Amino acid sequence: MPQTPFSLANRFIQGRGGDLVEALRTWKVWIPPKGASQGLQQGGMFVFEGREAVFEHRDQGTGAFASLSAVLEAAAVPEGASCDSK
């Protein structure tokens, strides 16, 4: 069952819906979903080692996300490492 309606409701219940209200004031639909499944697409996060997925997370609803520490651990990034590419 898609979690998006529940995620949105929880966001408002927790008092974190102001940014969505502001964004919706100027939002205009320009490309409607082609079918029910397209309107329910969510994001995710994957870490690969070569062709093998060593970490998978599929968002269950709006506001869902993968644990950053789990993603970095799967990518074998040492704790406290800098993301600076210099």
C-alpha atoms as a PDB file:
ATOM      1  CA  MET A   1       0.000   0.000   0.000  1.00  0.00           C
ATOM      2  CA  PRO A   2       1.448   3.395  -0.959  1.00  0.00           C
ATOM      3  CA  GLN A   3       2.405   5.435   2.093  1.00  0.00           C
ATOM      4  CA  THR A   4       2.297   8.904   0.491  1.00  0.00           C
ATOM      5  CA  PRO A   5      -1.105   9.969   1.912  1.00  0.00           C
ATOM      6  CA  PHE A   6      -0.036   8.866   5.391  1.00  0.00           C
ATOM      7  CA  SER A   7       3.353  10.576   5.052  1.00  0.00           C
ATOM      8  CA  LEU A   8       1.678  13.839   4.092  1.00  0.00           C
ATOM      9  CA  ALA A   9      -0.842  13.578   6.938  1.00  0.00           C
ATOM     10  CA  ASN A  10       1.907  12.850   9.478  1.00  0.00           C
ATOM     11  CA  ARG A  11       3.894  15.823   8.245  1.00  0.00           C
ATOM     12  CA  PHE A  12       0.957  18.143   8.955  1.00  0.00           C
ATOM     13  CA  ILE A  13       0.165  16.468  12.298  1.00  0.00           C
ATOM     14  CA  GLN A  14       3.784  17.072  13.357  1.00  0.00           C
ATOM     15  CA  GLY A  15       3.522  20.743  12.357  1.00  0.00           C
ATOM     16  CA  ARG A  16       5.911  20.423   9.406  1.00  0.00           C
ATOM     17  CA  GLY A  17       3.483  21.179   6.566  1.00  0.00           C
ATOM     18  CA  GLY A  18       4.031  24.917   6.144  1.00  0.00           C
ATOM     19  CA  ASP A  19       6.568  24.530   3.348  1.00  0.00           C
ATOM     20  CA  LEU A  20       4.175  22.289   1.407  1.00  0.00           C
ATOM     21  CA  VAL A  21       1.325  24.776   1.767  1.00  0.00           C
ATOM     22  CA  GLU A  22       3.615  27.537   0.482  1.00  0.00           C
ATOM     23  CA  ALA A  23       4.772  25.431  -2.481  1.00  0.00           C
ATOM     24  CA  LEU A  24       1.226  24.407  -3.405  1.00  0.00           C
ATOM     25  CA  ARG A  25       0.147  28.045  -3.670  1.00  0.00           C
ATOM     26  CA  THR A  26       2.124  28.380  -6.922  1.00  0.00           C
ATOM     27  CA  TRP A  27       2.037  24.756  -8.105  1.00  0.00           C
ATOM     28  CA  LYS A  28       0.305  24.052 -11.394  1.00  0.00           C
ATOM     29  CA  VAL A  29      -0.193  20.642 -12.947  1.00  0.00           C
ATOM     30  CA  TRP A  30       1.400  20.596 -16.379  1.00  0.00           C
ATOM     31  CA  ILE A  31       1.764  16.867 -17.134  1.00  0.00           C
ATOM     32  CA  PRO A  32      -0.863  14.638 -15.530  1.00  0.00           C
ATOM     33  CA  PRO A  33       0.130  11.047 -14.694  1.00  0.00           C
ATOM     34  CA  LYS A  34      -0.527   8.607 -17.533  1.00  0.00           C
ATOM     35  CA  GLY A  35      -1.898   6.014 -15.134  1.00  0.00           C
ATOM     36  CA  ALA A  36      -2.389   5.253 -11.459  1.00  0.00           C
ATOM     37  CA  SER A  37       1.043   3.653 -11.073  1.00  0.00           C
ATOM     38  CA  GLN A  38       2.885   6.673 -12.507  1.00  0.00           C
ATOM     39  CA  GLY A  39       1.250   8.966  -9.965  1.00  0.00           C
ATOM     40  CA  LEU A  40       2.471   6.716  -7.145  1.00  0.00           C
ATOM     41  CA  GLN A  41       6.166   6.485  -8.064  1.00  0.00           C
ATOM     42  CA  GLN A  42       8.568   6.970  -5.194  1.00  0.00           C
ATOM     43  CA  GLY A  43      12.318   7.369  -4.984  1.00  0.00           C
ATOM     44  CA  GLY A  44      15.013   5.215  -3.523  1.00  0.00           C
ATOM     45  CA  MET A  45      18.727   4.773  -2.905  1.00  0.00           C
ATOM     46  CA  PHE A  46      21.059   2.109  -4.243  1.00  0.00           C
ATOM     47  CA  VAL A  47      24.752   1.415  -3.671  1.00  0.00           C
ATOM     48  CA  PHE A  48      26.516  -0.836  -6.149  1.00  0.00           C
ATOM     49  CA  GLU A  49      29.776  -2.708  -6.046  1.00  0.00           C
ATOM     50  CA  GLY A  50      30.341  -3.387  -9.705  1.00  0.00           C
ATOM     51  CA  ARG A  51      27.060  -4.845 -10.938  1.00  0.00           C
ATOM     52  CA  GLU A  52      25.917  -6.086  -7.513  1.00  0.00           C
ATOM     53  CA  ALA A  53      23.558  -3.968  -5.407  1.00  0.00           C
ATOM     54  CA  VAL A  54      25.054  -3.992  -1.908  1.00  0.00           C
ATOM     55  CA  PHE A  55      22.385  -1.636  -0.515  1.00  0.00           C
ATOM     56  CA  GLU A  56      18.790  -1.030  -1.583  1.00  0.00           C
ATOM     57  CA  HIS A  57      16.162   1.303  -0.158  1.00  0.00           C
ATOM     58  CA  ARG A  58      12.817   1.971  -1.805  1.00  0.00           C
ATOM     59  CA  ASP A  59      10.914   4.948  -0.402  1.00  0.00           C
ATOM     60  CA  GLN A  60       7.506   3.930   0.884  1.00  0.00           C
ATOM     61  CA  GLY A  61       6.085   7.450   0.786  1.00  0.00           C
ATOM     62  CA  THR A  62       6.728  11.158   0.604  1.00  0.00           C
ATOM     63  CA  GLY A  63       9.357  12.158   3.141  1.00  0.00           C
ATOM     64  CA  ALA A  64      10.780   8.636   3.418  1.00  0.00           C
ATOM     65  CA  PHE A  65      14.506   8.290   2.947  1.00  0.00           C
ATOM     66  CA  ALA A  66      17.388   5.910   3.466  1.00  0.00           C
ATOM     67  CA  SER A  67      19.529   6.170   6.574  1.00  0.00           C
ATOM     68  CA  LEU A  68      22.644   8.130   5.597  1.00  0.00           C
ATOM     69  CA  SER A  69      24.803   6.081   7.964  1.00  0.00           C
ATOM     70  CA  ALA A  70      23.533   2.845   6.355  1.00  0.00           C
ATOM     71  CA  VAL A  71      24.261   4.191   2.864  1.00  0.00           C
ATOM     72  CA  LEU A  72      27.776   5.298   3.837  1.00  0.00           C
ATOM     73  CA  GLU A  73      28.446   1.981   5.570  1.00  0.00           C
ATOM     74  CA  ALA A  74      27.337   0.089   2.463  1.00  0.00           C
ATOM     75  CA  ALA A  75      29.604   2.310   0.360  1.00  0.00           C
ATOM     76  CA  ALA A  76      32.484   1.536   2.751  1.00  0.00           C
ATOM     77  CA  VAL A  77      32.996   5.202   3.623  1.00  0.00           C
ATOM     78  CA  PRO A  78      34.892   5.439   6.928  1.00  0.00           C
ATOM     79  CA  GLU A  79      33.047   7.246   9.723  1.00  0.00           C
ATOM     80  CA  GLY A  80      34.092  10.894   9.893  1.00  0.00           C
ATOM     81  CA  ALA A  81      35.526  10.877   6.356  1.00  0.00           C
ATOM     82  CA  SER A  82      35.399  14.129   4.435  1.00  0.00           C
ATOM     83  CA  CYS A  83      33.348  14.432   1.255  1.00  0.00           C
ATOM     84  CA  ASP A  84      35.833  16.988  -0.076  1.00  0.00           C
ATOM     85  CA  SER A  85      37.145  15.891  -3.482  1.00  0.00           C
ATOM     86  CA  LYS A  86      40.428  17.836  -3.207  1.00  0.00           C
END
